[in-house]
Amino acid sequence: MGHYYDYDGCYDASEYAGTYVHDVEGWDDDMINSVLEGEPDAYWNID
């Protein structure tokens, strides 16, 4: 039997799942990679 999340419809395989910018702001991996250069914590430093 697989992991619980393998069967959960809400499972998110995003590299940045669990970060504020991904989970709350709704940015996808491509946007985080291009705008924040792969550093989701850099979201807090955007003016």
N, C-alpha and C. Protein backbone atom coordinates (compact mmCIF):
# COMPACT_ATOMS: atom_id res chain seq x y z
N MET A 1 0.84 -1.18 0.00
CA MET A 1 0.00 0.00 0.00
C MET A 1 0.89 1.24 0.00
N GLY A 2 0.50 2.25 -0.78
CA GLY A 2 1.28 3.47 -0.89
C GLY A 2 1.08 4.40 0.29
N HIS A 3 1.74 5.49 0.21
CA HIS A 3 1.63 6.53 1.23
C HIS A 3 0.23 7.14 1.17
N TYR A 4 -0.26 7.62 2.28
CA TYR A 4 -1.59 8.23 2.36
C TYR A 4 -1.78 9.28 1.27
N TYR A 5 -0.78 10.13 1.08
CA TYR A 5 -0.93 11.22 0.12
C TYR A 5 -1.04 10.76 -1.32
N ASP A 6 -0.62 9.55 -1.60
CA ASP A 6 -0.74 9.03 -2.95
C ASP A 6 -2.21 8.94 -3.37
N TYR A 7 -3.10 8.90 -2.40
CA TYR A 7 -4.52 8.72 -2.69
C TYR A 7 -5.35 9.95 -2.36
N ASP A 8 -4.75 10.96 -1.85
CA ASP A 8 -5.45 12.18 -1.46
C ASP A 8 -5.55 13.11 -2.67
N GLY A 9 -6.74 13.53 -3.03
CA GLY A 9 -6.93 14.40 -4.17
C GLY A 9 -6.30 15.77 -3.98
N CYS A 10 -5.99 16.15 -2.76
CA CYS A 10 -5.39 17.45 -2.48
C CYS A 10 -3.87 17.41 -2.47
N TYR A 11 -3.30 16.24 -2.68
CA TYR A 11 -1.85 16.13 -2.65
C TYR A 11 -1.23 17.00 -3.73
N ASP A 12 -0.20 17.72 -3.38
CA ASP A 12 0.48 18.62 -4.30
C ASP A 12 1.94 18.21 -4.42
N ALA A 13 2.35 17.80 -5.58
CA ALA A 13 3.71 17.34 -5.80
C ALA A 13 4.65 18.49 -6.12
N SER A 14 4.21 19.72 -5.93
CA SER A 14 5.03 20.88 -6.21
C SER A 14 6.32 20.85 -5.40
N GLU A 15 7.36 21.32 -6.01
CA GLU A 15 8.65 21.43 -5.32
C GLU A 15 8.55 22.41 -4.15
N TYR A 16 7.62 23.36 -4.25
CA TYR A 16 7.50 24.42 -3.26
C TYR A 16 6.25 24.29 -2.38
N ALA A 17 5.61 23.13 -2.40
CA ALA A 17 4.45 22.90 -1.54
C ALA A 17 4.86 23.12 -0.08
N GLY A 18 4.01 23.81 0.65
CA GLY A 18 4.29 24.09 2.06
C GLY A 18 4.87 25.47 2.29
N THR A 19 5.21 26.18 1.21
CA THR A 19 5.71 27.54 1.37
C THR A 19 4.55 28.51 1.26
N TYR A 20 4.69 29.66 1.86
CA TYR A 20 3.64 30.68 1.85
C TYR A 20 3.29 31.11 0.42
N VAL A 21 4.32 31.40 -0.36
CA VAL A 21 4.08 31.92 -1.71
C VAL A 21 3.35 30.89 -2.58
N HIS A 22 3.58 29.61 -2.36
CA HIS A 22 2.89 28.58 -3.13
C HIS A 22 1.49 28.31 -2.58
N ASP A 23 1.41 28.03 -1.29
CA ASP A 23 0.14 27.59 -0.70
C ASP A 23 -0.86 28.72 -0.50
N VAL A 24 -0.41 29.89 -0.09
CA VAL A 24 -1.33 30.99 0.22
C VAL A 24 -1.51 31.90 -0.99
N GLU A 25 -0.41 32.29 -1.60
CA GLU A 25 -0.49 33.22 -2.73
C GLU A 25 -0.84 32.52 -4.05
N GLY A 26 -0.62 31.21 -4.11
CA GLY A 26 -1.04 30.45 -5.28
C GLY A 26 -0.07 30.46 -6.45
N TRP A 27 1.18 30.83 -6.20
CA TRP A 27 2.16 30.81 -7.28
C TRP A 27 2.53 29.37 -7.61
N ASP A 28 2.73 29.10 -8.90
CA ASP A 28 3.15 27.75 -9.29
C ASP A 28 4.67 27.69 -9.37
N ASP A 29 5.20 26.49 -9.56
CA ASP A 29 6.65 26.28 -9.57
C ASP A 29 7.34 27.15 -10.62
N ASP A 30 6.76 27.25 -11.81
CA ASP A 30 7.38 28.03 -12.87
C ASP A 30 7.51 29.50 -12.49
N MET A 31 6.48 30.06 -11.87
CA MET A 31 6.51 31.46 -11.47
C MET A 31 7.53 31.69 -10.36
N ILE A 32 7.57 30.78 -9.39
CA ILE A 32 8.56 30.89 -8.31
C ILE A 32 9.97 30.80 -8.88
N ASN A 33 10.18 29.89 -9.81
CA ASN A 33 11.50 29.74 -10.41
C ASN A 33 11.91 30.96 -11.22
N SER A 34 10.99 31.56 -11.96
CA SER A 34 11.37 32.68 -12.81
C SER A 34 11.41 34.01 -12.06
N VAL A 35 10.43 34.28 -11.23
CA VAL A 35 10.37 35.57 -10.54
C VAL A 35 11.27 35.59 -9.30
N LEU A 36 11.25 34.51 -8.55
CA LEU A 36 12.00 34.47 -7.29
C LEU A 36 13.29 33.67 -7.40
N GLU A 37 13.63 33.27 -8.62
CA GLU A 37 14.84 32.50 -8.90
C GLU A 37 14.95 31.26 -8.02
N GLY A 38 13.81 30.59 -7.80
CA GLY A 38 13.80 29.34 -7.06
C GLY A 38 13.92 29.49 -5.55
N GLU A 39 13.75 30.70 -5.04
CA GLU A 39 13.86 30.95 -3.60
C GLU A 39 12.52 31.46 -3.08
N PRO A 40 11.61 30.58 -2.67
CA PRO A 40 10.29 31.01 -2.25
C PRO A 40 10.30 31.98 -1.07
N ASP A 41 11.32 31.93 -0.23
CA ASP A 41 11.40 32.87 0.89
C ASP A 41 11.72 34.29 0.43
N ALA A 42 12.18 34.44 -0.80
CA ALA A 42 12.47 35.78 -1.32
C ALA A 42 11.19 36.57 -1.55
N TYR A 43 10.04 35.92 -1.49
CA TYR A 43 8.75 36.60 -1.67
C TYR A 43 8.60 37.77 -0.70
N TRP A 44 9.11 37.61 0.49
CA TRP A 44 8.96 38.64 1.52
C TRP A 44 9.79 39.88 1.21
N ASN A 45 10.71 39.80 0.27
CA ASN A 45 11.59 40.93 -0.04
C ASN A 45 11.19 41.65 -1.32
N ILE A 46 10.02 41.32 -1.88
CA ILE A 46 9.55 41.99 -3.09
C ILE A 46 8.95 43.33 -2.69
N ASP A 47 9.38 44.40 -3.38
CA ASP A 47 8.83 45.73 -3.09
C ASP A 47 7.62 45.99 -3.95
